[in-house]
């Protein structure tokens, strides 16, 4: 076989793999529209909101700690 024939065969094989991958993705996402929530949206959002609340509580804690330390420093001066 010549190098050109091998190149064409490899190119065709890659094209078939890409087309199959695209078709499988289309079948998996059938019936869904962009921007529409799916079956995991509520779970993900509740986890994100819970994590946000943890970060907010931690930020409030460190802010209160910084304010307390600043008051202690101001009182000593």
C-alpha atoms as a PDB file:
ATOM      1  CA  UNK A   1       0.000   0.000   0.000  1.00  0.00           C
ATOM      2  CA  UNK A   2       1.129   3.482  -0.677  1.00  0.00           C
ATOM      3  CA  UNK A   3       1.385   6.230   1.886  1.00  0.00           C
ATOM      4  CA  UNK A   4      -1.481   8.118   0.273  1.00  0.00           C
ATOM      5  CA  UNK A   5      -3.814   5.125   0.568  1.00  0.00           C
ATOM      6  CA  UNK A   6      -2.906   4.660   4.232  1.00  0.00           C
ATOM      7  CA  UNK A   7      -3.538   8.381   4.823  1.00  0.00           C
ATOM      8  CA  UNK A   8      -6.967   8.180   3.190  1.00  0.00           C
ATOM      9  CA  UNK A   9      -7.891   5.117   5.256  1.00  0.00           C
ATOM     10  CA  UNK A  10      -6.808   6.819   8.494  1.00  0.00           C
ATOM     11  CA  UNK A  11      -8.728   9.958   7.540  1.00  0.00           C
ATOM     12  CA  UNK A  12     -11.871   7.944   6.792  1.00  0.00           C
ATOM     13  CA  UNK A  13     -11.546   6.071  10.085  1.00  0.00           C
ATOM     14  CA  UNK A  14     -11.262   9.350  11.994  1.00  0.00           C
ATOM     15  CA  UNK A  15     -14.258  10.771  10.150  1.00  0.00           C
ATOM     16  CA  UNK A  16     -16.333   7.701  11.035  1.00  0.00           C
ATOM     17  CA  UNK A  17     -15.353   7.986  14.712  1.00  0.00           C
ATOM     18  CA  UNK A  18     -16.268  11.690  14.805  1.00  0.00           C
ATOM     19  CA  UNK A  19     -19.604  11.093  13.061  1.00  0.00           C
ATOM     20  CA  UNK A  20     -20.453   8.226  15.447  1.00  0.00           C
ATOM     21  CA  UNK A  21     -19.539  10.373  18.439  1.00  0.00           C
ATOM     22  CA  UNK A  22     -21.712  13.225  17.146  1.00  0.00           C
ATOM     23  CA  UNK A  23     -24.650  10.864  16.521  1.00  0.00           C
ATOM     24  CA  UNK A  24     -24.368   9.379  20.014  1.00  0.00           C
ATOM     25  CA  UNK A  25     -24.353  12.876  21.535  1.00  0.00           C
ATOM     26  CA  UNK A  26     -27.426  13.857  19.524  1.00  0.00           C
ATOM     27  CA  UNK A  27     -29.303  10.747  20.686  1.00  0.00           C
ATOM     28  CA  UNK A  28     -28.308  11.382  24.317  1.00  0.00           C
ATOM     29  CA  UNK A  29     -29.524  14.997  24.227  1.00  0.00           C
ATOM     30  CA  UNK A  30     -32.687  14.361  22.242  1.00  0.00           C
ATOM     31  CA  UNK A  31     -35.625  16.372  23.519  1.00  0.00           C
ATOM     32  CA  UNK A  32     -33.525  18.862  25.459  1.00  0.00           C
ATOM     33  CA  UNK A  33     -33.309  22.514  24.589  1.00  0.00           C
ATOM     34  CA  UNK A  34     -30.522  24.896  25.477  1.00  0.00           C
ATOM     35  CA  UNK A  35     -31.278  26.650  28.760  1.00  0.00           C
ATOM     36  CA  UNK A  36     -33.864  24.120  29.922  1.00  0.00           C
ATOM     37  CA  UNK A  37     -33.117  22.450  33.280  1.00  0.00           C
ATOM     38  CA  UNK A  38     -32.429  18.726  33.271  1.00  0.00           C
ATOM     39  CA  UNK A  39     -32.699  16.039  35.952  1.00  0.00           C
ATOM     40  CA  UNK A  40     -29.614  17.173  37.894  1.00  0.00           C
ATOM     41  CA  UNK A  41     -30.151  20.939  37.868  1.00  0.00           C
ATOM     42  CA  UNK A  42     -31.992  21.098  41.211  1.00  0.00           C
ATOM     43  CA  UNK A  43     -29.391  18.951  42.951  1.00  0.00           C
ATOM     44  CA  UNK A  44     -26.478  20.956  41.573  1.00  0.00           C
ATOM     45  CA  UNK A  45     -28.102  24.277  42.440  1.00  0.00           C
ATOM     46  CA  UNK A  46     -28.880  23.192  46.006  1.00  0.00           C
ATOM     47  CA  UNK A  47     -25.247  22.131  46.459  1.00  0.00           C
ATOM     48  CA  UNK A  48     -24.002  25.427  45.020  1.00  0.00           C
ATOM     49  CA  UNK A  49     -26.305  27.448  47.280  1.00  0.00           C
ATOM     50  CA  UNK A  50     -25.214  25.411  50.324  1.00  0.00           C
ATOM     51  CA  UNK A  51     -21.562  26.020  49.474  1.00  0.00           C
ATOM     52  CA  UNK A  52     -22.250  29.727  48.983  1.00  0.00           C
ATOM     53  CA  UNK A  53     -23.879  29.920  52.408  1.00  0.00           C
ATOM     54  CA  UNK A  54     -20.843  28.218  53.964  1.00  0.00           C
ATOM     55  CA  UNK A  55     -18.527  30.771  52.331  1.00  0.00           C
ATOM     56  CA  UNK A  56     -20.754  33.637  53.472  1.00  0.00           C
ATOM     57  CA  UNK A  57     -20.778  32.324  57.048  1.00  0.00           C
ATOM     58  CA  UNK A  58     -17.013  31.953  57.011  1.00  0.00           C
ATOM     59  CA  UNK A  59     -16.583  35.463  55.624  1.00  0.00           C
ATOM     60  CA  UNK A  60     -18.865  36.853  58.346  1.00  0.00           C
ATOM     61  CA  UNK A  61     -16.866  34.989  60.983  1.00  0.00           C
ATOM     62  CA  UNK A  62     -13.538  36.385  59.779  1.00  0.00           C
ATOM     63  CA  UNK A  63     -14.986  39.866  59.442  1.00  0.00           C
ATOM     64  CA  UNK A  64     -16.239  39.734  63.038  1.00  0.00           C
ATOM     65  CA  UNK A  65     -12.848  38.425  64.158  1.00  0.00           C
ATOM     66  CA  UNK A  66     -11.035  41.242  62.361  1.00  0.00           C
ATOM     67  CA  UNK A  67     -13.360  43.839  63.875  1.00  0.00           C
ATOM     68  CA  UNK A  68     -12.875  42.386  67.370  1.00  0.00           C
ATOM     69  CA  UNK A  69      -9.099  42.391  66.992  1.00  0.00           C
ATOM     70  CA  UNK A  70      -9.197  45.960  65.704  1.00  0.00           C
ATOM     71  CA  UNK A  71     -11.259  47.033  68.732  1.00  0.00           C
ATOM     72  CA  UNK A  72      -8.723  45.328  71.038  1.00  0.00           C
ATOM     73  CA  UNK A  73      -5.870  47.144  69.297  1.00  0.00           C
ATOM     74  CA  UNK A  74      -7.692  50.474  69.497  1.00  0.00           C
ATOM     75  CA  UNK A  75      -8.383  49.919  73.204  1.00  0.00           C
ATOM     76  CA  UNK A  76      -4.716  49.279  74.000  1.00  0.00           C
ATOM     77  CA  UNK A  77      -3.509  52.461  72.329  1.00  0.00           C
END
